[in-house]
Amino acid sequence: MNAQESKSYALAVGARLRQVRRERGLSLMRIEQKTDGHFKAVVIGSYERADRAVTVSRLAELAEFYGLTPAELLPPAEQVAADPTLSALWLARRMVALLAGEEES
């Protein structure tokens, strides 16, 4: 993955993380409070802005907090298919789904 693909991937994941958080009506500070500081507001914000890369293990922890599977925290397949710079994201979605024992198209 080149630098442009890496940044596109991080931006797409960050946007999805922000979308999920907002759908649940949570502020960054509320997440920090609800998790007793396990997830720091500044760190979640940096994932959402793509200033910091989220690891697979951290993505899995966030998914559990939100009541989702890790694959559901990644951008939708339609978005990935529409943007050729996100080909690595499709592969990441597939790997996460397989590791979690999920079937994904």
N, C-alpha and C. Protein backbone atom coordinates (compact mmCIF):
# COMPACT_ATOMS: atom_id res chain seq x y z
N MET A 1 0.86 -1.17 0.00
CA MET A 1 0.00 0.00 0.00
C MET A 1 0.91 1.23 0.00
N ASN A 2 0.65 2.14 -0.93
CA ASN A 2 1.47 3.36 -0.98
C ASN A 2 0.91 4.39 0.00
N ALA A 3 1.57 5.53 0.09
CA ALA A 3 1.18 6.55 1.08
C ALA A 3 -0.22 7.08 0.82
N GLN A 4 -0.58 7.28 -0.47
CA GLN A 4 -1.92 7.79 -0.79
C GLN A 4 -2.99 6.77 -0.39
N GLU A 5 -2.76 5.50 -0.70
CA GLU A 5 -3.72 4.45 -0.32
C GLU A 5 -3.84 4.35 1.19
N SER A 6 -2.71 4.45 1.87
CA SER A 6 -2.71 4.38 3.33
C SER A 6 -3.53 5.51 3.94
N LYS A 7 -3.36 6.71 3.43
CA LYS A 7 -4.11 7.87 3.94
C LYS A 7 -5.59 7.73 3.61
N SER A 8 -5.91 7.29 2.40
CA SER A 8 -7.31 7.07 2.01
C SER A 8 -7.96 6.04 2.91
N TYR A 9 -7.24 4.98 3.19
CA TYR A 9 -7.74 3.92 4.07
C TYR A 9 -8.01 4.48 5.47
N ALA A 10 -7.05 5.21 6.02
CA ALA A 10 -7.20 5.77 7.36
C ALA A 10 -8.36 6.76 7.42
N LEU A 11 -8.52 7.58 6.39
CA LEU A 11 -9.63 8.54 6.35
C LEU A 11 -10.98 7.83 6.28
N ALA A 12 -11.06 6.77 5.48
CA ALA A 12 -12.31 6.02 5.35
C ALA A 12 -12.67 5.32 6.65
N VAL A 13 -11.69 4.72 7.30
CA VAL A 13 -11.95 4.07 8.59
C VAL A 13 -12.34 5.11 9.63
N GLY A 14 -11.64 6.22 9.67
CA GLY A 14 -11.95 7.28 10.62
C GLY A 14 -13.36 7.82 10.44
N ALA A 15 -13.76 8.01 9.19
CA ALA A 15 -15.11 8.51 8.91
C ALA A 15 -16.16 7.50 9.39
N ARG A 16 -15.88 6.23 9.20
CA ARG A 16 -16.82 5.20 9.66
C ARG A 16 -16.89 5.17 11.18
N LEU A 17 -15.76 5.29 11.84
CA LEU A 17 -15.76 5.32 13.31
C LEU A 17 -16.58 6.50 13.83
N ARG A 18 -16.40 7.67 13.22
CA ARG A 18 -17.16 8.86 13.61
C ARG A 18 -18.65 8.64 13.36
N GLN A 19 -19.00 8.06 12.22
CA GLN A 19 -20.40 7.81 11.89
C GLN A 19 -21.05 6.91 12.94
N VAL A 20 -20.39 5.82 13.31
CA VAL A 20 -20.94 4.89 14.30
C VAL A 20 -21.10 5.59 15.65
N ARG A 21 -20.10 6.35 16.06
CA ARG A 21 -20.18 7.06 17.34
C ARG A 21 -21.36 8.03 17.35
N ARG A 22 -21.49 8.80 16.29
CA ARG A 22 -22.57 9.79 16.22
C ARG A 22 -23.95 9.13 16.14
N GLU A 23 -24.04 7.99 15.44
CA GLU A 23 -25.31 7.27 15.37
C GLU A 23 -25.78 6.84 16.76
N ARG A 24 -24.82 6.63 17.65
CA ARG A 24 -25.14 6.23 19.02
C ARG A 24 -25.30 7.43 19.95
N GLY A 25 -25.16 8.62 19.40
CA GLY A 25 -25.34 9.83 20.18
C GLY A 25 -24.27 10.04 21.24
N LEU A 26 -23.07 9.57 20.96
CA LEU A 26 -21.97 9.66 21.94
C LEU A 26 -20.96 10.73 21.55
N SER A 27 -20.54 11.50 22.52
CA SER A 27 -19.42 12.42 22.32
C SER A 27 -18.13 11.65 22.62
N LEU A 28 -17.02 12.22 22.23
CA LEU A 28 -15.74 11.60 22.54
C LEU A 28 -15.56 11.49 24.06
N MET A 29 -15.92 12.55 24.77
CA MET A 29 -15.78 12.53 26.24
C MET A 29 -16.70 11.49 26.87
N ARG A 30 -17.89 11.31 26.30
CA ARG A 30 -18.82 10.32 26.87
C ARG A 30 -18.27 8.91 26.71
N ILE A 31 -17.60 8.64 25.61
CA ILE A 31 -16.97 7.32 25.43
C ILE A 31 -15.91 7.11 26.51
N GLU A 32 -15.10 8.13 26.73
CA GLU A 32 -14.06 8.01 27.75
C GLU A 32 -14.70 7.76 29.12
N GLN A 33 -15.77 8.46 29.42
CA GLN A 33 -16.45 8.28 30.70
C GLN A 33 -17.07 6.88 30.81
N LYS A 34 -17.76 6.45 29.76
CA LYS A 34 -18.45 5.15 29.79
C LYS A 34 -17.48 3.98 29.90
N THR A 35 -16.24 4.18 29.45
CA THR A 35 -15.25 3.09 29.50
C THR A 35 -14.25 3.29 30.63
N ASP A 36 -14.57 4.20 31.55
CA ASP A 36 -13.66 4.49 32.67
C ASP A 36 -12.23 4.77 32.20
N GLY A 37 -12.14 5.49 31.07
CA GLY A 37 -10.83 5.90 30.57
C GLY A 37 -10.11 4.88 29.71
N HIS A 38 -10.73 3.72 29.49
CA HIS A 38 -10.08 2.72 28.62
C HIS A 38 -9.86 3.29 27.23
N PHE A 39 -10.87 3.99 26.72
CA PHE A 39 -10.75 4.68 25.44
C PHE A 39 -10.66 6.17 25.74
N LYS A 40 -9.53 6.77 25.49
CA LYS A 40 -9.33 8.20 25.73
C LYS A 40 -9.96 9.00 24.59
N ALA A 41 -10.63 10.09 24.93
CA ALA A 41 -11.29 10.93 23.93
C ALA A 41 -10.31 11.40 22.87
N VAL A 42 -9.13 11.82 23.28
CA VAL A 42 -8.15 12.34 22.34
C VAL A 42 -7.69 11.25 21.36
N VAL A 43 -7.61 10.02 21.81
CA VAL A 43 -7.17 8.92 20.95
C VAL A 43 -8.27 8.56 19.95
N ILE A 44 -9.51 8.44 20.43
CA ILE A 44 -10.62 8.14 19.52
C ILE A 44 -10.73 9.26 18.47
N GLY A 45 -10.60 10.49 18.90
CA GLY A 45 -10.63 11.61 17.96
C GLY A 45 -9.52 11.52 16.93
N SER A 46 -8.35 11.10 17.35
CA SER A 46 -7.23 10.99 16.40
C SER A 46 -7.45 9.85 15.41
N TYR A 47 -8.13 8.77 15.84
CA TYR A 47 -8.51 7.72 14.88
C TYR A 47 -9.49 8.28 13.86
N GLU A 48 -10.47 9.03 14.34
CA GLU A 48 -11.50 9.58 13.46
C GLU A 48 -10.95 10.58 12.45
N ARG A 49 -9.93 11.31 12.83
CA ARG A 49 -9.30 12.30 11.93
C ARG A 49 -8.20 11.67 11.07
N ALA A 50 -7.91 10.42 11.31
CA ALA A 50 -6.83 9.70 10.61
C ALA A 50 -5.46 10.26 10.94
N ASP A 51 -5.34 10.85 12.13
CA ASP A 51 -4.04 11.31 12.61
C ASP A 51 -3.26 10.16 13.22
N ARG A 52 -3.96 9.10 13.55
CA ARG A 52 -3.37 7.94 14.20
C ARG A 52 -4.02 6.69 13.62
N ALA A 53 -3.22 5.67 13.36
CA ALA A 53 -3.75 4.41 12.81
C ALA A 53 -4.33 3.56 13.94
N VAL A 54 -5.50 2.99 13.67
CA VAL A 54 -6.12 2.10 14.64
C VAL A 54 -5.66 0.68 14.36
N THR A 55 -5.23 -0.02 15.40
CA THR A 55 -4.78 -1.40 15.22
C THR A 55 -5.99 -2.33 15.14
N VAL A 56 -5.76 -3.53 14.66
CA VAL A 56 -6.84 -4.51 14.56
C VAL A 56 -7.38 -4.84 15.94
N SER A 57 -6.51 -4.98 16.91
CA SER A 57 -6.99 -5.32 18.26
C SER A 57 -7.81 -4.18 18.86
N ARG A 58 -7.39 -2.95 18.61
CA ARG A 58 -8.14 -1.80 19.12
C ARG A 58 -9.47 -1.66 18.38
N LEU A 59 -9.47 -1.96 17.09
CA LEU A 59 -10.71 -1.95 16.32
C LEU A 59 -11.68 -2.98 16.88
N ALA A 60 -11.17 -4.15 17.24
CA ALA A 60 -12.02 -5.19 17.83
C ALA A 60 -12.60 -4.74 19.17
N GLU A 61 -11.80 -4.06 19.97
CA GLU A 61 -12.29 -3.55 21.26
C GLU A 61 -13.37 -2.49 21.06
N LEU A 62 -13.15 -1.61 20.10
CA LEU A 62 -14.16 -0.59 19.79
C LEU A 62 -15.45 -1.22 19.28
N ALA A 63 -15.30 -2.22 18.44
CA ALA A 63 -16.48 -2.92 17.92
C ALA A 63 -17.28 -3.53 19.07
N GLU A 64 -16.61 -4.15 20.00
CA GLU A 64 -17.30 -4.73 21.15
C GLU A 64 -18.02 -3.64 21.95
N PHE A 65 -17.37 -2.53 22.18
CA PHE A 65 -17.99 -1.42 22.90
C PHE A 65 -19.26 -0.95 22.20
N TYR A 66 -19.21 -0.84 20.87
CA TYR A 66 -20.35 -0.38 20.09
C TYR A 66 -21.39 -1.47 19.83
N GLY A 67 -21.07 -2.71 20.19
CA GLY A 67 -22.00 -3.81 19.95
C GLY A 67 -22.03 -4.26 18.49
N LEU A 68 -20.90 -4.13 17.84
CA LEU A 68 -20.78 -4.50 16.43
C LEU A 68 -19.67 -5.52 16.25
N THR A 69 -19.59 -6.09 15.07
CA THR A 69 -18.43 -6.91 14.72
C THR A 69 -17.34 -5.98 14.20
N PRO A 70 -16.10 -6.40 14.23
CA PRO A 70 -15.03 -5.56 13.69
C PRO A 70 -15.28 -5.17 12.23
N ALA A 71 -15.78 -6.09 11.43
CA ALA A 71 -16.04 -5.80 10.02
C ALA A 71 -17.07 -4.69 9.86
N GLU A 72 -18.01 -4.60 10.78
CA GLU A 72 -19.04 -3.55 10.71
C GLU A 72 -18.49 -2.17 11.02
N LEU A 73 -17.31 -2.10 11.61
CA LEU A 73 -16.68 -0.81 11.88
C LEU A 73 -15.88 -0.30 10.68
N LEU A 74 -15.70 -1.13 9.70
CA LEU A 74 -15.00 -0.70 8.49
C LEU A 74 -16.01 -0.11 7.52
N PRO A 75 -15.57 0.76 6.62
CA PRO A 75 -16.50 1.37 5.67
C PRO A 75 -17.26 0.32 4.85
N PRO A 76 -18.48 0.65 4.43
CA PRO A 76 -19.28 -0.29 3.66
C PRO A 76 -18.59 -0.71 2.36
N ALA A 77 -18.86 -1.92 1.94
CA ALA A 77 -18.24 -2.47 0.73
C ALA A 77 -18.50 -1.60 -0.49
N GLU A 78 -19.69 -0.97 -0.56
CA GLU A 78 -20.01 -0.12 -1.71
C GLU A 78 -19.06 1.06 -1.81
N GLN A 79 -18.70 1.63 -0.67
CA GLN A 79 -17.78 2.77 -0.65
C GLN A 79 -16.40 2.32 -1.11
N VAL A 80 -16.00 1.16 -0.65
CA VAL A 80 -14.68 0.63 -1.01
C VAL A 80 -14.62 0.35 -2.51
N ALA A 81 -15.69 -0.26 -3.05
CA ALA A 81 -15.72 -0.60 -4.47
C ALA A 81 -15.71 0.66 -5.34
N ALA A 82 -16.28 1.74 -4.86
CA ALA A 82 -16.37 2.98 -5.64
C ALA A 82 -15.07 3.77 -5.67
N ASP A 83 -14.14 3.44 -4.79
CA ASP A 83 -12.89 4.20 -4.69
C ASP A 83 -11.70 3.27 -4.89
N PRO A 84 -11.04 3.33 -6.06
CA PRO A 84 -9.94 2.41 -6.33
C PRO A 84 -8.77 2.53 -5.36
N THR A 85 -8.64 3.66 -4.68
CA THR A 85 -7.53 3.79 -3.73
C THR A 85 -7.79 2.99 -2.45
N LEU A 86 -9.00 2.45 -2.31
CA LEU A 86 -9.34 1.70 -1.10
C LEU A 86 -9.28 0.19 -1.29
N SER A 87 -8.58 -0.28 -2.31
CA SER A 87 -8.50 -1.72 -2.55
C SER A 87 -7.94 -2.46 -1.34
N ALA A 88 -7.00 -1.85 -0.64
CA ALA A 88 -6.46 -2.48 0.56
C ALA A 88 -7.52 -2.59 1.65
N LEU A 89 -8.47 -1.67 1.65
CA LEU A 89 -9.54 -1.72 2.63
C LEU A 89 -10.45 -2.92 2.39
N TRP A 90 -10.71 -3.22 1.13
CA TRP A 90 -11.52 -4.41 0.83
C TRP A 90 -10.83 -5.64 1.40
N LEU A 91 -9.54 -5.73 1.18
CA LEU A 91 -8.79 -6.87 1.69
C LEU A 91 -8.84 -6.90 3.21
N ALA A 92 -8.72 -5.75 3.86
CA ALA A 92 -8.79 -5.70 5.32
C ALA A 92 -10.17 -6.15 5.81
N ARG A 93 -11.24 -5.69 5.15
CA ARG A 93 -12.61 -6.12 5.52
C ARG A 93 -12.73 -7.64 5.43
N ARG A 94 -12.21 -8.18 4.35
CA ARG A 94 -12.31 -9.63 4.13
C ARG A 94 -11.53 -10.38 5.20
N MET A 95 -10.34 -9.92 5.52
CA MET A 95 -9.51 -10.59 6.53
C MET A 95 -10.16 -10.53 7.90
N VAL A 96 -10.71 -9.37 8.28
CA VAL A 96 -11.37 -9.22 9.57
C VAL A 96 -12.57 -10.14 9.64
N ALA A 97 -13.35 -10.21 8.58
CA ALA A 97 -14.53 -11.08 8.56
C ALA A 97 -14.11 -12.55 8.69
N LEU A 98 -13.09 -12.93 7.98
CA LEU A 98 -12.64 -14.33 8.04
C LEU A 98 -12.10 -14.67 9.43
N LEU A 99 -11.32 -13.77 10.00
CA LEU A 99 -10.78 -14.01 11.33
C LEU A 99 -11.86 -14.11 12.38
N ALA A 100 -12.95 -13.38 12.16
CA ALA A 100 -14.07 -13.40 13.11
C ALA A 100 -15.03 -14.54 12.82
N GLY A 101 -14.75 -15.32 11.76
CA GLY A 101 -15.62 -16.43 11.42
C GLY A 101 -16.91 -16.00 10.76
N GLU A 102 -16.91 -14.83 10.16
CA GLU A 102 -18.10 -14.30 9.50
C GLU A 102 -18.03 -14.57 8.01
N GLU A 103 -19.18 -14.68 7.41
CA GLU A 103 -19.27 -14.73 5.96
C GLU A 103 -19.51 -13.33 5.46
N GLU A 104 -18.75 -12.91 4.50
CA GLU A 104 -18.94 -11.58 3.92
C GLU A 104 -18.77 -11.70 2.42
N SER A 105 -19.63 -10.99 1.69
CA SER A 105 -19.53 -11.05 0.22
C SER A 105 -18.47 -10.12 -0.29
